[in-house]
C-alpha atoms as a PDB file:
ATOM      1  CA  MET A   1     -23.204  40.712  10.446  1.00  0.00           C
ATOM      2  CA  ARG A   2     -23.521  38.989  13.794  1.00  0.00           C
ATOM      3  CA  THR A   3     -20.586  37.643  15.740  1.00  0.00           C
ATOM      4  CA  SER A   4     -21.824  34.049  15.607  1.00  0.00           C
ATOM      5  CA  SER A   5     -22.000  34.233  11.803  1.00  0.00           C
ATOM      6  CA  LEU A   6     -18.427  35.518  11.621  1.00  0.00           C
ATOM      7  CA  ILE A   7     -17.197  32.743  13.905  1.00  0.00           C
ATOM      8  CA  LEU A   8     -19.077  30.125  11.862  1.00  0.00           C
ATOM      9  CA  ALA A   9     -17.606  31.469   8.603  1.00  0.00           C
ATOM     10  CA  TYR A  10     -14.111  31.495  10.109  1.00  0.00           C
ATOM     11  CA  VAL A  11     -14.399  27.899  11.354  1.00  0.00           C
ATOM     12  CA  LEU A  12     -15.839  26.654   8.053  1.00  0.00           C
ATOM     13  CA  LEU A  13     -13.066  28.411   6.133  1.00  0.00           C
ATOM     14  CA  LEU A  14     -10.401  26.787   8.316  1.00  0.00           C
ATOM     15  CA  LEU A  15     -12.011  23.339   8.012  1.00  0.00           C
ATOM     16  CA  GLY A  16     -12.234  23.730   4.229  1.00  0.00           C
ATOM     17  CA  ALA A  17      -8.573  24.727   4.014  1.00  0.00           C
ATOM     18  CA  LEU A  18      -7.581  21.781   6.206  1.00  0.00           C
ATOM     19  CA  GLY A  19      -9.633  19.383   4.054  1.00  0.00           C
ATOM     20  CA  LEU A  20      -8.083  20.740   0.855  1.00  0.00           C
ATOM     21  CA  LEU A  21      -4.593  20.403   2.335  1.00  0.00           C
ATOM     22  CA  THR A  22      -5.357  16.799   3.324  1.00  0.00           C
ATOM     23  CA  VAL A  23      -6.534  15.903  -0.186  1.00  0.00           C
ATOM     24  CA  ILE A  24      -3.473  17.485  -1.811  1.00  0.00           C
ATOM     25  CA  THR A  25      -1.100  15.715   0.597  1.00  0.00           C
ATOM     26  CA  GLU A  26      -2.770  12.348  -0.028  1.00  0.00           C
ATOM     27  CA  MET A  27      -2.559  12.820  -3.810  1.00  0.00           C
ATOM     28  CA  ARG A  28       1.159  13.657  -3.592  1.00  0.00           C
ATOM     29  CA  ARG A  29       1.832  10.671  -1.329  1.00  0.00           C
ATOM     30  CA  ARG A  30       0.119   8.257  -3.728  1.00  0.00           C
ATOM     31  CA  ARG A  31       1.986   9.667  -6.713  1.00  0.00           C
ATOM     32  CA  PHE A  32       5.432   9.047  -5.174  1.00  0.00           C
ATOM     33  CA  GLU A  33       4.605   5.763  -3.429  1.00  0.00           C
ATOM     34  CA  PRO A  34       5.916   2.657  -5.215  1.00  0.00           C
ATOM     35  CA  ALA A  35       3.360   0.513  -7.023  1.00  0.00           C
ATOM     36  CA  PRO A  36       2.298  -2.619  -5.161  1.00  0.00           C
ATOM     37  CA  ASN A  37       4.081  -5.784  -6.208  1.00  0.00           C
ATOM     38  CA  ARG A  38       1.735  -8.530  -7.425  1.00  0.00           C
ATOM     39  CA  ASP A  39       4.300 -11.346  -7.169  1.00  0.00           C
ATOM     40  CA  ARG A  40       3.513 -14.335  -4.970  1.00  0.00           C
ATOM     41  CA  ILE A  41       5.702 -15.253  -2.021  1.00  0.00           C
ATOM     42  CA  PHE A  42       7.166 -18.740  -1.752  1.00  0.00           C
ATOM     43  CA  ARG A  43       9.026 -20.417   1.106  1.00  0.00           C
ATOM     44  CA  CYS A  44      11.049 -23.537   0.412  1.00  0.00           C
ATOM     45  CA  GLU A  45       9.977 -26.468   2.576  1.00  0.00           C
ATOM     46  CA  GLN A  46      13.427 -28.063   2.287  1.00  0.00           C
ATOM     47  CA  CYS A  47      15.960 -25.267   2.796  1.00  0.00           C
ATOM     48  CA  GLY A  48      13.725 -22.451   4.165  1.00  0.00           C
ATOM     49  CA  ALA A  49      14.616 -19.877   1.504  1.00  0.00           C
ATOM     50  CA  VAL A  50      12.029 -17.161   0.854  1.00  0.00           C
ATOM     51  CA  TYR A  51      11.582 -15.902  -2.708  1.00  0.00           C
ATOM     52  CA  THR A  52       8.969 -14.444  -5.073  1.00  0.00           C
ATOM     53  CA  ASP A  53       7.647 -15.511  -8.447  1.00  0.00           C
ATOM     54  CA  ASP A  54       5.002 -14.406 -10.943  1.00  0.00           C
ATOM     55  CA  PRO A  55       1.375 -14.263  -9.722  1.00  0.00           C
ATOM     56  CA  ASP A  56       0.196 -16.913 -12.198  1.00  0.00           C
ATOM     57  CA  VAL A  57       2.614 -19.627 -10.966  1.00  0.00           C
ATOM     58  CA  ASP A  58       1.141 -22.348  -8.719  1.00  0.00           C
ATOM     59  CA  LEU A  59       4.412 -24.168  -7.996  1.00  0.00           C
ATOM     60  CA  SER A  60       7.780 -22.456  -8.092  1.00  0.00           C
ATOM     61  CA  ARG A  61      11.269 -23.963  -8.112  1.00  0.00           C
ATOM     62  CA  CYS A  62      13.566 -22.874  -5.273  1.00  0.00           C
ATOM     63  CA  ALA A  63      16.690 -21.109  -6.553  1.00  0.00           C
ATOM     64  CA  HIS A  64      18.830 -22.637  -3.783  1.00  0.00           C
ATOM     65  CA  CYS A  65      17.918 -26.344  -3.762  1.00  0.00           C
ATOM     66  CA  GLY A  66      15.613 -26.815  -6.786  1.00  0.00           C
ATOM     67  CA  LYS A  67      12.552 -28.139  -4.897  1.00  0.00           C
ATOM     68  CA  PHE A  68       9.095 -27.140  -6.176  1.00  0.00           C
ATOM     69  CA  ASN A  69       7.043 -25.289  -3.545  1.00  0.00           C
ATOM     70  CA  PRO A  70       3.457 -24.021  -3.282  1.00  0.00           C
ATOM     71  CA  PRO A  71       2.877 -20.327  -2.487  1.00  0.00           C
ATOM     72  CA  TYR A  72       3.215 -19.317   1.156  1.00  0.00           C
ATOM     73  CA  GLU A  73      -0.087 -18.399   2.800  1.00  0.00           C
ATOM     74  CA  PHE A  74      -0.014 -15.872   5.640  1.00  0.00           C
END
């Protein structure tokens, strides 16, 4: 076997091991990461309180002052 073939095999083996390690690490990270929250964010126009509510709510009542507010758009 030629030297260039041995070097190529060695490099490909290392790249394959690195790729496999990356895939395993990403799978473990996703498994332990918290699920994304689908709630909508609201900011009260009267008192400035920030709160969340269900994703299907178009207007939400502020827990501090009782005013109805639309969802906050970033």
